[in-house]
Amino acid sequence: MSESNAAPIYVDVLIIGAGISGIGAAYYLQRDQPSKTYAIVEARDDIGGTWDLFRYPGIRSDSDLYTFSYEFKPWTDEDAIAGGPAIMSYLRETVAEHQLGRNIRFQHKVKRVSWSSARARWTTEIEHTGTGESVTYESAFLFAATGYYRYDQGYRPRWKGEERFKGQIVHPQHWPEDLDYAGKRVVVIGSGATAVTLIPAMADETAHITMLQRTPTYIIPLPKKDPLANTLRRALPAKTAYEITRKKNIAQQRYFFAFCQRFPNAARQLIRTVNRALLPRGFPVDTHFNPPYAPWDQRLCAVPDADMFRTISKGKASVVTDQIETFVEDGLQLASGKQLQADIIVTATGLNIQLFGGIEVLVDGAPLRPADHVAFKGMMFDAVPNLVFAIGYTNSSWTLKVGLICEHFCRLLGYMDDHGYAAVVPQRPDPKMPTRPLLDFGAGYVKRVIDDLPRQGPAYPWAMSMDYAVDVQGLRQGPVYDPNLRFYSLTSAHRMRGEVLPSATAS
C-alpha cells in the first residue's frame, strides 16, 4: 500500500460495506438524518455483498422477498423466493432511486479503524485496491455493515486422498465461470442452503447429481410465488399490497418458529410428513431427512415449489447419508464401504465467520478482542464508543432486523445532537454479568469459532433478540436513552478521556 499525503476525509458516519445492510443504512441516514454526511466504503467493484459475490447456479434467497427486501421499497417481482440476479436488480434500483451511488467508494478496502477518545473520532485506514494508494477517513461514527462471514474464503475441510482425485473440486464461494458440468457426474458435499440450491439447479444438465451429507438438515417447501401477494398487487396500490403481504409473512415466520420451539417433536413429525408426501413411496426419509437435532436449533432450508424433492422424485438426483473415508481417482470412498463416482465434487461445506470483515479495530490504542465484549441492543458493544454493527436474524429474514437497527441508529444520532453529545458508550451494569455467545445457534460455522465471538447477556438490552415483535418494541418504539448508556460531550475546554464528565451526564 503506497503512502498518501492527502488530508483525511471527514464524514459524520462511515458505513463499511455496500451490501444489503450498508445500502439500507445509507437510505435511513438520508431519510432521518439528512444533515449528516456519510460515505460507504466497499472493497469490491460493485454493490450487493453476498449477492454479487456468489455466482453458483441457482443462487437465491431462502427467505421470502416480501420480508427480505426493504420496508421502504416494495418487492414487486412475481416470485416470492427470488434468485440472485433479481435481488441485485432490486438493490441497483434502490441505489438509483435514492441517489445513494454518489456516496459509495468502490475498491476501498478497510485495513484498520482506530478510535480516539481525546478527539471523539474514528480514523479509518483504507487501501484503494485499484491503485494501491492509501486513503484515510475520519468520522464520528462507524456503521459496520460487513455481515459476519469471510468473503475471500469459505469453510473448506481437507480430506484424505484429495490429490488422487482426477476430476475438479469446486467450492461454491469461488465458482468458476467456465465450469462445464454438462453430462458429468457431480457430488455435492453438504446439506445446507447452498447444497439444496445447487442440486435442482444443476440436475437437468448433469449425468447425475448426488448430495452427500454427514448429517441431514430440515428442508421445507415454500411456494415460489405468493398467490395472495400477486392478487393484492393487481387489486391495490403496490405499497399497500406490499405492506399487507409483508405483515402476513412476518407473522407466519414468527408463529412457525414459535411452534418449532415450543413443540419440537410435533414440528419434527410435521416436517417429515411433508417430506414423505413429496418423495417417492418407500424413500428412506428417516435416514436422509431426519436430523438429530430439533427444528430451528439450526436454520431450516427452504426450497421453492419443492424443487429439491421433485428433482429426487424424477430420478435426477440422489441423497447419500454417510462419511468420507478418502478421495479416490474417480470419486469418493465412504465409511460404509460404498463408492460414489464423480467427475466434479462441489464442497458446499459452509462459511467461515469473520466479524468486521477481518478489519483491525483499536480503541485508544488497544486492540479490540470481540470475545471480551457484550452486545447492547444487538447493535453496539460495551466499552466501544460510536460503533454500530448490523447482524440480521438467523431465524427469519436478515433485513427485518437490519432495518430496525438503522432506524434506532438514526434516532440515537438525533438524541445526541439534541443534547450536545459527541460520544456514546454502552456499559455493563455488572462486570460479572453472565454471558453466552452472541450467535447462540447450533450451526457448524458458529461452533467452529464460538470462543472468539462477542457475547450477549441474559436479558434485554444485553440479549441478542431474534424476535421481530420484541425488536419493534425496543428499537422502533422504545426510548433511545438507557441507563446502560454513557454519553460524553467534547468541548474546547473539556476533552473526553473515558470518564463520565459532569456536563455529559445523561438525563
Protein backbone atom coordinates (compact mmCIF):
# COMPACT_ATOMS: atom_id res chain seq x y z
CA MET A 1 0.00 0.00 0.00
CA SER A 2 1.58 3.27 -1.11
CA GLU A 3 1.61 6.26 1.18
CA SER A 4 -0.60 9.29 0.61
CA ASN A 5 -0.11 12.81 1.88
CA ALA A 6 -3.75 13.73 1.27
CA ALA A 7 -5.64 15.10 4.25
CA PRO A 8 -8.17 12.75 5.88
CA ILE A 9 -11.69 12.91 4.50
CA TYR A 10 -14.27 13.67 7.19
CA VAL A 11 -17.82 12.34 7.25
CA ASP A 12 -20.24 12.12 10.16
CA VAL A 13 -20.88 8.40 9.52
CA LEU A 14 -18.65 5.96 7.66
CA ILE A 15 -20.51 2.84 6.50
CA ILE A 16 -18.30 -0.17 5.82
CA GLY A 17 -19.84 -2.40 3.16
CA ALA A 18 -22.21 -1.78 0.24
CA GLY A 19 -24.28 -4.92 0.64
CA ILE A 20 -27.93 -5.07 1.61
CA SER A 21 -27.19 -3.75 5.14
CA GLY A 22 -24.94 -0.87 4.06
CA ILE A 23 -27.36 0.29 1.37
CA GLY A 24 -30.17 0.21 3.92
CA ALA A 25 -28.13 2.22 6.41
CA ALA A 26 -27.43 4.87 3.77
CA TYR A 27 -31.12 5.19 2.92
CA TYR A 28 -32.17 5.66 6.55
CA LEU A 29 -29.45 8.23 7.16
CA GLN A 30 -30.62 10.27 4.17
CA ARG A 31 -34.23 10.00 5.27
CA ASP A 32 -33.94 10.51 9.03
CA GLN A 33 -30.70 12.48 9.40
CA PRO A 34 -30.39 14.45 6.16
CA SER A 35 -27.92 16.92 7.66
CA LYS A 36 -25.40 14.16 8.35
CA THR A 37 -22.65 13.45 5.86
CA TYR A 38 -21.77 9.83 5.14
CA ALA A 39 -19.82 7.60 2.79
CA ILE A 40 -19.94 3.88 2.05
CA VAL A 41 -16.59 2.21 1.50
CA GLU A 42 -16.70 -1.10 -0.35
CA ALA A 43 -13.72 -3.35 -1.06
CA ARG A 44 -15.33 -4.93 -4.11
CA ASP A 45 -16.09 -3.41 -7.50
CA ASP A 46 -19.86 -3.44 -7.12
CA ILE A 47 -22.70 -3.25 -4.64
CA GLY A 48 -24.55 -6.29 -3.34
CA GLY A 49 -22.13 -8.00 -0.99
CA THR A 50 -23.27 -11.63 -0.81
CA TRP A 51 -25.44 -11.27 -3.89
CA ASP A 52 -22.57 -10.01 -6.01
CA LEU A 53 -20.04 -12.46 -4.56
CA PHE A 54 -21.85 -15.77 -5.01
CA ARG A 55 -22.19 -16.87 -8.64
CA TYR A 56 -23.01 -20.57 -8.31
CA PRO A 57 -26.01 -22.00 -10.23
CA GLY A 58 -29.41 -21.18 -8.77
CA ILE A 59 -28.17 -18.71 -6.13
CA ARG A 60 -31.28 -17.43 -4.35
CA SER A 61 -32.65 -16.18 -1.06
CA ASP A 62 -34.02 -18.79 1.30
CA SER A 63 -36.31 -16.14 2.83
CA ASP A 64 -39.31 -14.67 1.06
CA LEU A 65 -38.51 -11.35 -0.57
CA TYR A 66 -41.51 -9.59 0.96
CA THR A 67 -39.67 -9.75 4.29
CA PHE A 68 -36.10 -9.90 2.98
CA SER A 69 -36.49 -6.71 0.95
CA TYR A 70 -36.54 -3.24 2.50
CA GLU A 71 -39.61 -1.95 4.28
CA PHE A 72 -39.34 1.33 2.35
CA LYS A 73 -39.15 -0.24 -1.14
CA PRO A 74 -41.85 -2.73 -2.19
CA TRP A 75 -40.82 -6.01 -3.76
CA THR A 76 -42.84 -6.14 -6.99
CA ASP A 77 -41.45 -9.24 -8.70
CA GLU A 78 -43.93 -12.12 -9.04
CA ASP A 79 -41.50 -14.54 -7.36
CA ALA A 80 -41.55 -14.55 -3.58
CA ILE A 81 -38.40 -16.69 -3.48
CA ALA A 82 -36.08 -14.96 -5.92
CA GLY A 83 -32.68 -15.59 -7.45
CA GLY A 84 -29.51 -13.57 -7.10
CA PRO A 85 -29.91 -11.60 -10.36
CA ALA A 86 -33.39 -10.39 -9.35
CA ILE A 87 -32.11 -9.37 -5.92
CA MET A 88 -29.19 -7.50 -7.50
CA SER A 89 -31.61 -5.67 -9.81
CA TYR A 90 -33.68 -4.67 -6.77
CA LEU A 91 -30.58 -3.34 -4.98
CA ARG A 92 -29.48 -1.39 -8.05
CA GLU A 93 -32.94 0.17 -8.29
CA THR A 94 -32.76 1.15 -4.61
CA VAL A 95 -29.37 2.81 -5.05
CA ALA A 96 -30.50 4.66 -8.19
CA GLU A 97 -33.90 5.80 -6.86
CA HIS A 98 -32.37 7.36 -3.75
CA GLN A 99 -29.12 8.55 -5.35
CA LEU A 100 -27.02 6.55 -2.93
CA GLY A 101 -24.36 5.79 -5.52
CA ARG A 102 -22.78 9.23 -5.24
CA ASN A 103 -21.63 8.29 -1.73
CA ILE A 104 -20.25 4.81 -2.48
CA ARG A 105 -16.49 4.39 -2.85
CA PHE A 106 -15.58 1.12 -4.55
CA GLN A 107 -12.23 -0.70 -4.29
CA HIS A 108 -11.80 0.85 -0.83
CA LYS A 109 -10.59 -1.97 1.41
CA VAL A 110 -10.54 -1.06 5.09
CA LYS A 111 -7.37 -2.18 6.84
CA ARG A 112 -7.66 -0.63 10.29
CA VAL A 113 -10.02 1.55 12.31
CA SER A 114 -8.86 3.44 15.40
CA TRP A 115 -10.94 5.28 17.99
CA SER A 116 -9.53 8.31 19.83
CA SER A 117 -11.37 9.35 22.99
CA ALA A 118 -9.41 12.61 23.07
CA ARG A 119 -10.86 13.59 19.68
CA ALA A 120 -14.10 11.55 19.81
CA ARG A 121 -13.36 10.25 16.33
CA TRP A 122 -12.70 7.12 14.36
CA THR A 123 -9.79 7.10 11.93
CA THR A 124 -10.19 4.56 9.14
CA GLU A 125 -7.17 3.47 7.11
CA ILE A 126 -8.05 2.23 3.64
CA GLU A 127 -6.22 0.73 0.70
CA HIS A 128 -7.52 1.50 -2.78
CA THR A 129 -7.29 -1.95 -4.37
CA GLY A 130 -7.09 -0.49 -7.87
CA THR A 131 -4.18 1.89 -7.33
CA GLY A 132 -2.60 0.62 -4.12
CA GLU A 133 -2.80 4.09 -2.64
CA SER A 134 -3.78 4.71 0.96
CA VAL A 135 -6.89 6.70 1.84
CA THR A 136 -7.84 7.94 5.31
CA TYR A 137 -11.31 8.78 6.59
CA GLU A 138 -12.26 10.35 9.87
CA SER A 139 -15.77 10.02 11.23
CA ALA A 140 -17.80 10.48 14.37
CA PHE A 141 -19.48 7.08 13.91
CA LEU A 142 -18.71 3.79 12.23
CA PHE A 143 -21.52 1.61 10.90
CA ALA A 144 -20.16 -1.89 10.26
CA ALA A 145 -22.30 -3.44 7.51
CA THR A 146 -19.81 -6.20 6.82
CA GLY A 147 -22.01 -9.20 7.66
CA TYR A 148 -20.42 -11.96 9.67
CA TYR A 149 -18.64 -14.26 7.28
CA ARG A 150 -15.36 -14.19 5.43
CA TYR A 151 -15.69 -13.11 1.81
CA ASP A 152 -12.36 -14.31 0.48
CA GLN A 153 -12.52 -17.86 1.81
CA GLY A 154 -15.30 -20.33 2.56
CA TYR A 155 -15.01 -23.21 5.00
CA ARG A 156 -13.14 -25.99 3.26
CA PRO A 157 -12.24 -29.18 5.16
CA ARG A 158 -9.38 -31.26 3.83
CA TRP A 159 -9.94 -34.94 3.20
CA LYS A 160 -7.58 -37.86 2.85
CA GLY A 161 -6.57 -38.65 -0.72
CA GLU A 162 -7.74 -35.41 -2.38
CA GLU A 163 -4.61 -35.32 -4.50
CA ARG A 164 -5.62 -38.65 -6.08
CA PHE A 165 -8.91 -37.35 -7.47
CA LYS A 166 -8.64 -36.76 -11.22
CA GLY A 167 -11.70 -34.52 -11.52
CA GLN A 168 -12.41 -30.96 -10.35
CA ILE A 169 -13.01 -29.86 -6.77
CA VAL A 170 -15.03 -26.64 -6.52
CA HIS A 171 -16.17 -24.51 -3.57
CA PRO A 172 -19.41 -22.57 -4.26
CA GLN A 173 -17.90 -19.36 -2.91
CA HIS A 174 -15.36 -19.50 -5.74
CA TRP A 175 -17.43 -20.88 -8.59
CA PRO A 176 -15.50 -20.93 -11.89
CA GLU A 177 -17.30 -19.06 -14.65
CA ASP A 178 -16.28 -21.68 -17.19
CA LEU A 179 -17.18 -24.79 -15.18
CA ASP A 180 -18.72 -27.30 -17.57
CA TYR A 181 -20.83 -29.87 -15.75
CA ALA A 182 -22.97 -30.95 -18.71
CA GLY A 183 -23.16 -34.74 -18.82
CA LYS A 184 -20.88 -35.04 -15.78
CA ARG A 185 -21.30 -36.99 -12.57
CA VAL A 186 -21.43 -34.47 -9.74
CA VAL A 187 -21.28 -34.98 -5.98
CA VAL A 188 -22.21 -32.06 -3.73
CA ILE A 189 -20.79 -32.44 -0.22
CA GLY A 190 -23.12 -30.76 2.26
CA SER A 191 -26.79 -30.48 3.13
CA GLY A 192 -27.33 -26.79 3.86
CA ALA A 193 -28.91 -23.97 1.88
CA THR A 194 -26.19 -23.96 -0.80
CA ALA A 195 -26.41 -27.71 -1.41
CA VAL A 196 -30.19 -27.79 -1.71
CA THR A 197 -29.98 -24.86 -4.14
CA LEU A 198 -27.30 -26.46 -6.32
CA ILE A 199 -28.95 -29.88 -6.66
CA PRO A 200 -32.10 -28.81 -8.58
CA ALA A 201 -30.28 -26.01 -10.43
CA MET A 202 -27.66 -28.38 -11.89
CA ALA A 203 -29.61 -31.65 -12.20
CA ASP A 204 -31.03 -31.16 -15.71
CA GLU A 205 -27.56 -30.77 -17.23
CA THR A 206 -25.59 -33.34 -15.27
CA ALA A 207 -25.47 -37.07 -15.97
CA HIS A 208 -26.46 -37.44 -12.30
CA ILE A 209 -26.00 -35.38 -9.15
CA THR A 210 -25.72 -36.64 -5.58
CA MET A 211 -26.00 -34.78 -2.29
CA LEU A 212 -23.59 -36.40 0.14
CA GLN A 213 -24.39 -35.40 3.70
CA ARG A 214 -22.89 -36.37 7.00
CA THR A 215 -25.91 -35.05 8.92
CA PRO A 216 -29.40 -34.38 7.50
CA THR A 217 -30.97 -30.92 7.51
CA TYR A 218 -34.60 -29.89 7.90
CA ILE A 219 -35.85 -28.97 4.44
CA ILE A 220 -39.29 -27.46 3.90
CA PRO A 221 -41.04 -26.42 0.67
CA LEU A 222 -42.29 -22.88 0.17
CA PRO A 223 -44.27 -21.55 -2.81
CA LYS A 224 -42.03 -19.71 -5.25
CA LYS A 225 -44.88 -17.30 -5.92
CA ASP A 226 -47.13 -15.90 -3.20
CA PRO A 227 -50.73 -16.10 -4.55
CA LEU A 228 -52.07 -13.55 -2.07
CA ALA A 229 -49.26 -11.08 -2.84
CA ASN A 230 -49.78 -11.28 -6.58
CA THR A 231 -53.57 -10.97 -6.22
CA LEU A 232 -53.27 -7.96 -3.92
CA ARG A 233 -50.80 -6.26 -6.23
CA ARG A 234 -53.32 -6.44 -9.08
CA ALA A 235 -56.09 -5.01 -6.92
CA LEU A 236 -54.32 -2.47 -4.70
CA PRO A 237 -51.58 0.15 -4.92
CA ALA A 238 -48.16 -1.52 -4.84
CA LYS A 239 -47.21 -0.08 -1.45
CA THR A 240 -50.47 -1.17 0.22
CA ALA A 241 -50.27 -4.66 -1.27
CA TYR A 242 -46.66 -4.96 -0.16
CA GLU A 243 -47.39 -3.85 3.41
CA ILE A 244 -50.19 -6.41 3.79
CA THR A 245 -48.10 -9.25 2.38
CA ARG A 246 -45.10 -8.28 4.47
CA LYS A 247 -47.11 -8.28 7.71
CA LYS A 248 -48.65 -11.64 6.81
CA ASN A 249 -45.27 -13.22 6.10
CA ILE A 250 -43.63 -11.77 9.21
CA ALA A 251 -46.44 -13.29 11.28
CA GLN A 252 -46.06 -16.66 9.54
CA GLN A 253 -42.31 -16.73 10.21
CA ARG A 254 -42.76 -15.84 13.88
CA TYR A 255 -45.56 -18.31 14.51
CA PHE A 256 -43.79 -21.21 12.80
CA PHE A 257 -40.57 -20.53 14.71
CA ALA A 258 -42.51 -20.32 17.99
CA PHE A 259 -44.30 -23.58 17.16
CA CYS A 260 -40.98 -25.33 16.49
CA GLN A 261 -39.50 -24.03 19.74
CA ARG A 262 -42.49 -24.93 21.88
CA PHE A 263 -43.42 -28.25 20.26
CA PRO A 264 -40.20 -29.59 18.70
CA ASN A 265 -41.41 -33.19 18.41
CA ALA A 266 -44.65 -32.18 16.70
CA ALA A 267 -42.70 -29.86 14.38
CA ARG A 268 -40.27 -32.66 13.54
CA GLN A 269 -43.15 -35.01 12.68
CA LEU A 270 -44.90 -32.35 10.61
CA ILE A 271 -41.80 -31.62 8.52
CA ARG A 272 -41.13 -35.32 7.93
CA THR A 273 -44.77 -35.89 6.93
CA VAL A 274 -44.47 -33.12 4.35
CA ASN A 275 -41.18 -34.59 3.10
CA ARG A 276 -42.73 -38.06 2.71
CA ALA A 277 -45.62 -36.67 0.71
CA LEU A 278 -43.21 -35.10 -1.77
CA LEU A 279 -40.91 -38.10 -2.24
CA PRO A 280 -41.44 -41.50 -3.91
CA ARG A 281 -43.15 -44.22 -1.90
CA GLY A 282 -40.60 -46.09 0.15
CA PHE A 283 -37.97 -43.38 0.04
CA PRO A 284 -35.89 -43.61 3.27
CA VAL A 285 -36.98 -40.29 4.77
CA ASP A 286 -35.97 -41.43 8.27
CA THR A 287 -32.41 -41.86 7.02
CA HIS A 288 -31.94 -38.81 4.81
CA PHE A 289 -34.36 -36.21 6.21
CA ASN A 290 -34.37 -36.85 9.95
CA PRO A 291 -31.84 -34.54 11.66
CA PRO A 292 -30.65 -35.49 15.16
CA TYR A 293 -31.48 -32.01 16.49
CA ALA A 294 -34.75 -30.14 16.96
CA PRO A 295 -36.16 -27.85 14.25
CA TRP A 296 -34.57 -24.38 14.34
CA ASP A 297 -31.68 -25.48 16.53
CA GLN A 298 -30.08 -24.79 13.17
CA ARG A 299 -31.53 -22.79 10.29
CA LEU A 300 -34.16 -24.59 8.22
CA CYS A 301 -33.61 -24.82 4.46
CA ALA A 302 -36.47 -23.64 2.26
CA VAL A 303 -36.88 -24.99 -1.27
CA PRO A 304 -39.19 -23.11 -3.67
CA ASP A 305 -42.03 -25.21 -5.10
CA ALA A 306 -40.39 -28.29 -3.55
CA ASP A 307 -37.79 -28.27 -6.36
CA MET A 308 -35.30 -30.38 -4.40
CA PHE A 309 -37.89 -33.09 -3.76
CA ARG A 310 -39.19 -33.01 -7.33
CA THR A 311 -35.67 -33.46 -8.65
CA ILE A 312 -35.14 -36.52 -6.44
CA SER A 313 -38.54 -37.94 -7.42
CA LYS A 314 -37.63 -37.68 -11.12
CA GLY A 315 -34.50 -39.75 -10.51
CA LYS A 316 -32.16 -36.91 -11.48
CA ALA A 317 -30.64 -36.60 -8.02
CA SER A 318 -29.78 -38.86 -5.11
CA VAL A 319 -29.15 -38.36 -1.42
CA VAL A 320 -26.48 -40.31 0.44
CA THR A 321 -26.01 -40.04 4.21
CA ASP A 322 -22.52 -41.23 5.02
CA GLN A 323 -18.99 -40.06 5.82
CA ILE A 324 -16.00 -39.70 3.54
CA GLU A 325 -13.23 -42.23 4.13
CA THR A 326 -11.00 -40.99 1.33
CA PHE A 327 -10.98 -39.46 -2.13
CA VAL A 328 -10.12 -41.90 -4.90
CA GLU A 329 -9.22 -41.36 -8.54
CA ASP A 330 -12.80 -41.36 -9.80
CA GLY A 331 -14.74 -40.20 -6.77
CA LEU A 332 -15.18 -40.94 -3.07
CA GLN A 333 -14.76 -43.98 -0.86
CA LEU A 334 -17.28 -43.76 2.00
CA ALA A 335 -17.06 -45.06 5.55
CA SER A 336 -19.83 -47.58 4.82
CA GLY A 337 -17.73 -49.13 2.06
CA LYS A 338 -19.82 -47.62 -0.71
CA GLN A 339 -18.16 -45.69 -3.54
CA LEU A 340 -19.51 -42.57 -5.22
CA GLN A 341 -18.22 -41.93 -8.71
CA ALA A 342 -17.73 -38.30 -9.67
CA ASP A 343 -16.21 -36.08 -12.31
CA ILE A 344 -16.83 -32.92 -10.23
CA ILE A 345 -17.01 -32.63 -6.45
CA VAL A 346 -18.58 -29.49 -5.00
CA THR A 347 -17.64 -28.74 -1.39
CA ALA A 348 -20.78 -26.95 -0.14
CA THR A 349 -19.33 -27.19 3.33
CA GLY A 350 -20.23 -23.78 4.65
CA LEU A 351 -18.82 -20.42 5.64
CA ASN A 352 -16.10 -19.01 7.83
CA ILE A 353 -17.26 -16.39 10.32
CA GLN A 354 -15.27 -13.19 10.32
CA LEU A 355 -16.62 -10.20 12.21
CA PHE A 356 -15.91 -6.72 10.83
CA GLY A 357 -14.54 -8.21 7.61
CA GLY A 358 -11.20 -9.02 9.26
CA ILE A 359 -10.53 -5.33 9.96
CA GLU A 360 -8.14 -4.48 12.80
CA VAL A 361 -10.01 -2.45 15.43
CA LEU A 362 -8.23 -0.30 18.00
CA VAL A 363 -9.85 1.63 20.85
CA ASP A 364 -7.49 4.24 22.31
CA GLY A 365 -4.58 2.18 21.01
CA ALA A 366 -5.75 -1.14 22.46
CA PRO A 367 -6.72 -3.96 20.05
CA LEU A 368 -10.39 -4.96 20.23
CA ARG A 369 -10.90 -8.59 21.21
CA PRO A 370 -14.56 -9.35 20.34
CA ALA A 371 -14.94 -12.15 22.89
CA ASP A 372 -14.30 -9.64 25.69
CA HIS A 373 -17.34 -7.56 24.75
CA VAL A 374 -21.10 -7.89 25.13
CA ALA A 375 -23.66 -6.70 22.60
CA PHE A 376 -26.06 -3.91 23.55
CA LYS A 377 -29.47 -3.99 21.81
CA GLY A 378 -27.87 -6.28 19.24
CA MET A 379 -26.17 -3.30 17.57
CA MET A 380 -23.33 -1.95 19.77
CA PHE A 381 -20.64 -3.38 22.07
CA ASP A 382 -19.94 -2.42 25.64
CA ALA A 383 -16.86 -0.23 26.14
CA VAL A 384 -16.67 0.55 22.40
CA PRO A 385 -17.74 4.14 21.58
CA ASN A 386 -19.68 5.23 18.49
CA LEU A 387 -19.63 1.87 16.72
CA VAL A 388 -22.80 0.25 15.37
CA PHE A 389 -22.87 -3.13 13.67
CA ALA A 390 -25.60 -4.82 11.63
CA ILE A 391 -26.31 -8.52 12.09
CA GLY A 392 -29.71 -9.75 10.98
CA TYR A 393 -31.91 -12.59 12.14
CA THR A 394 -30.81 -16.22 11.89
CA ASN A 395 -34.39 -17.49 12.30
CA SER A 396 -36.09 -15.06 9.92
CA SER A 397 -35.24 -12.59 7.17
CA TRP A 398 -31.91 -10.85 7.76
CA THR A 399 -33.17 -7.45 6.63
CA LEU A 400 -36.02 -7.24 9.14
CA LYS A 401 -33.54 -6.78 11.96
CA VAL A 402 -31.17 -4.55 9.99
CA GLY A 403 -33.96 -2.10 9.15
CA LEU A 404 -34.84 -1.69 12.83
CA ILE A 405 -31.17 -1.21 13.75
CA CYS A 406 -30.83 1.53 11.13
CA GLU A 407 -33.94 3.32 12.44
CA HIS A 408 -32.70 3.19 16.02
CA PHE A 409 -29.23 4.36 15.00
CA CYS A 410 -30.73 7.44 13.34
CA ARG A 411 -32.78 8.16 16.45
CA LEU A 412 -29.62 7.83 18.54
CA LEU A 413 -27.85 10.39 16.35
CA GLY A 414 -30.75 12.79 16.78
CA TYR A 415 -30.77 12.32 20.56
CA MET A 416 -27.05 13.05 20.75
CA ASP A 417 -27.40 16.19 18.65
CA ASP A 418 -30.28 17.42 20.80
CA HIS A 419 -28.19 17.03 23.97
CA GLY A 420 -24.82 18.11 22.59
CA TYR A 421 -23.14 14.72 22.97
CA ALA A 422 -20.13 13.66 20.94
CA ALA A 423 -19.86 10.03 22.00
CA VAL A 424 -21.88 7.19 23.46
CA VAL A 425 -20.62 4.00 25.11
CA PRO A 426 -22.69 1.07 26.38
CA GLN A 427 -21.57 -0.01 29.84
CA ARG A 428 -22.37 -3.32 31.53
CA PRO A 429 -24.32 -2.92 34.76
CA ASP A 430 -22.20 -5.64 36.34
CA PRO A 431 -18.77 -6.79 35.12
CA LYS A 432 -19.71 -10.29 36.34
CA MET A 433 -22.96 -10.39 34.35
CA PRO A 434 -23.45 -13.93 32.98
CA THR A 435 -22.97 -14.14 29.23
CA ARG A 436 -23.24 -16.56 26.32
CA PRO A 437 -22.11 -16.38 22.66
CA LEU A 438 -23.63 -13.65 20.52
CA LEU A 439 -24.87 -16.19 17.95
CA ASP A 440 -26.44 -18.78 20.22
CA PHE A 441 -27.01 -21.13 17.32
CA GLY A 442 -26.16 -24.76 16.55
CA ALA A 443 -24.74 -24.27 13.04
CA GLY A 444 -21.26 -25.66 12.39
CA TYR A 445 -19.89 -22.32 11.22
CA VAL A 446 -20.84 -20.84 14.60
CA LYS A 447 -19.49 -23.73 16.67
CA ARG A 448 -16.10 -23.53 14.96
CA VAL A 449 -15.48 -20.00 16.30
CA ILE A 450 -17.67 -20.00 19.40
CA ASP A 451 -14.81 -18.93 21.71
CA ASP A 452 -13.90 -15.96 19.52
CA LEU A 453 -17.38 -14.47 19.21
CA PRO A 454 -18.67 -11.48 21.14
CA ARG A 455 -21.09 -12.26 23.94
CA GLN A 456 -24.66 -11.49 24.87
CA GLY A 457 -26.24 -11.14 28.28
CA PRO A 458 -29.20 -12.83 29.94
CA ALA A 459 -31.89 -10.25 29.15
CA TYR A 460 -32.74 -7.14 27.15
CA PRO A 461 -30.97 -4.87 26.29
CA TRP A 462 -27.96 -7.18 26.55
CA ALA A 463 -29.61 -10.20 24.93
CA MET A 464 -29.43 -10.65 21.14
CA SER A 465 -33.12 -10.68 20.29
CA MET A 466 -34.26 -12.90 17.42
CA ASP A 467 -37.90 -11.81 17.64
CA TYR A 468 -39.13 -9.08 15.30
CA ALA A 469 -42.00 -8.04 17.58
CA VAL A 470 -39.64 -7.63 20.54
CA ASP A 471 -37.26 -5.56 18.43
CA VAL A 472 -40.06 -3.35 17.08
CA GLN A 473 -40.93 -2.52 20.65
CA GLY A 474 -37.32 -1.97 21.75
CA LEU A 475 -35.67 -0.43 18.69
CA ARG A 476 -38.51 1.40 16.94
CA GLN A 477 -40.88 2.31 19.74
CA GLY A 478 -38.64 2.25 22.83
CA PRO A 479 -36.65 5.24 24.09
CA VAL A 480 -33.10 5.91 22.94
CA TYR A 481 -31.95 6.76 26.45
CA ASP A 482 -31.00 3.76 28.53
CA PRO A 483 -29.31 3.65 31.96
CA ASN A 484 -26.68 1.34 30.43
CA LEU A 485 -25.50 4.07 28.07
CA ARG A 486 -22.89 6.67 28.93
CA PHE A 487 -22.91 9.88 26.88
CA TYR A 488 -19.99 12.26 26.60
CA SER A 489 -19.57 15.83 25.43
CA LEU A 490 -16.49 17.27 23.79
CA THR A 491 -15.75 20.99 24.05
CA SER A 492 -12.66 23.10 23.51
CA ALA A 493 -12.19 23.29 27.27
CA HIS A 494 -13.02 19.73 28.21
CA ARG A 495 -11.76 16.63 26.43
CA MET A 496 -13.36 13.22 26.72
CA ARG A 497 -10.97 10.81 28.44
CA GLY A 498 -13.15 7.82 29.19
CA GLU A 499 -14.85 9.04 32.33
CA VAL A 500 -18.37 10.46 32.62
CA LEU A 501 -17.95 14.23 32.55
CA PRO A 502 -20.25 16.39 34.68
CA SER A 503 -21.50 18.16 31.59
CA ALA A 504 -22.29 14.87 29.87
CA THR A 505 -24.42 13.12 32.45
CA ALA A 506 -27.37 11.56 30.62
CA SER A 507 -30.76 12.78 31.69
